[in-house]
């Protein structure tokens, strides 16, 4: 199995990389790396490590609404690091 089997890329992503920290990023067609939603749900479910913070160009906006919803549904109250 590959990393893409565990953490599928969203439709807008053109590539995927794994950082030395283990963070899985989906790369958009503008070359910007956006943390993978499924990886965040598994490795930073509360947002306490701020892995979701990144230089965003807007490609992942709808994707991060899924992370926020996941955290709210799981009663995680570390929302200060949620991407908007």
Protein backbone atom coordinates (compact mmCIF):
# COMPACT_ATOMS: atom_id res chain seq x y z
CA UNK A 1 0.00 0.00 0.00
CA UNK A 2 1.13 3.55 -0.67
CA UNK A 3 0.57 6.68 1.37
CA UNK A 4 -2.17 7.65 -1.11
CA UNK A 5 -4.08 4.53 -0.11
CA UNK A 6 -4.14 5.69 3.52
CA UNK A 7 -4.59 9.39 2.81
CA UNK A 8 -6.34 9.87 -0.54
CA UNK A 9 -5.79 13.12 -2.41
CA UNK A 10 -8.76 15.45 -2.86
CA UNK A 11 -10.00 16.14 -6.39
CA UNK A 12 -8.14 19.46 -6.65
CA UNK A 13 -4.71 17.98 -5.76
CA UNK A 14 -2.17 17.13 -8.45
CA UNK A 15 0.49 15.51 -6.23
CA UNK A 16 1.18 14.45 -2.67
CA UNK A 17 4.34 14.64 -0.55
CA UNK A 18 5.34 13.42 2.89
CA UNK A 19 7.40 15.88 4.93
CA UNK A 20 10.20 14.80 7.27
CA UNK A 21 7.78 15.45 10.17
CA UNK A 22 5.47 12.82 8.69
CA UNK A 23 2.94 15.44 7.59
CA UNK A 24 1.20 14.45 4.36
CA UNK A 25 0.59 17.41 2.06
CA UNK A 26 -1.59 17.57 -1.03
CA UNK A 27 -0.11 19.84 -3.68
CA UNK A 28 -2.45 21.97 -5.80
CA UNK A 29 -1.78 22.95 -9.40
CA UNK A 30 -0.26 26.23 -8.14
CA UNK A 31 2.49 24.30 -6.32
CA UNK A 32 1.17 25.02 -2.82
CA UNK A 33 1.23 22.21 -0.23
CA UNK A 34 -1.95 21.81 1.81
CA UNK A 35 -2.03 19.37 4.77
CA UNK A 36 -4.08 16.29 3.93
CA UNK A 37 -7.45 16.22 5.70
CA UNK A 38 -7.40 12.51 6.50
CA UNK A 39 -3.88 12.79 7.88
CA UNK A 40 -4.96 15.71 10.11
CA UNK A 41 -7.94 13.76 11.42
CA UNK A 42 -5.62 10.92 12.41
CA UNK A 43 -2.54 12.78 13.67
CA UNK A 44 -3.83 16.15 14.92
CA UNK A 45 -7.55 15.69 15.63
CA UNK A 46 -7.74 18.59 18.10
CA UNK A 47 -5.55 21.03 16.19
CA UNK A 48 -3.21 21.37 19.16
CA UNK A 49 -0.11 20.85 17.02
CA UNK A 50 -1.24 23.33 14.35
CA UNK A 51 -0.30 21.03 11.45
CA UNK A 52 -3.19 22.55 9.50
CA UNK A 53 -1.56 25.99 9.44
CA UNK A 54 -0.06 26.68 6.03
CA UNK A 55 0.44 29.34 3.37
CA UNK A 56 -2.87 28.80 1.61
CA UNK A 57 -3.94 30.00 -1.81
CA UNK A 58 -7.57 28.98 -1.28
CA UNK A 59 -7.57 25.66 -3.15
CA UNK A 60 -8.35 23.66 -0.01
CA UNK A 61 -11.01 25.94 1.51
CA UNK A 62 -13.85 23.43 1.28
CA UNK A 63 -11.55 20.63 2.40
CA UNK A 64 -10.77 22.37 5.70
CA UNK A 65 -14.43 22.86 6.43
CA UNK A 66 -14.44 19.05 6.74
CA UNK A 67 -11.68 19.21 9.38
CA UNK A 68 -13.54 21.85 11.38
CA UNK A 69 -16.75 19.82 11.22
CA UNK A 70 -14.87 16.67 12.29
CA UNK A 71 -13.41 18.46 15.31
CA UNK A 72 -16.78 19.92 16.29
CA UNK A 73 -18.51 16.55 15.98
CA UNK A 74 -15.86 14.95 18.17
CA UNK A 75 -16.15 17.67 20.83
CA UNK A 76 -12.57 18.81 20.41
CA UNK A 77 -12.25 22.32 21.75
CA UNK A 78 -8.85 23.32 20.35
CA UNK A 79 -10.32 25.38 17.52
CA UNK A 80 -7.98 28.36 17.67
CA UNK A 81 -5.69 26.70 15.12
CA UNK A 82 -8.45 25.86 12.66
CA UNK A 83 -7.81 27.20 9.18
CA UNK A 84 -10.58 29.49 8.00
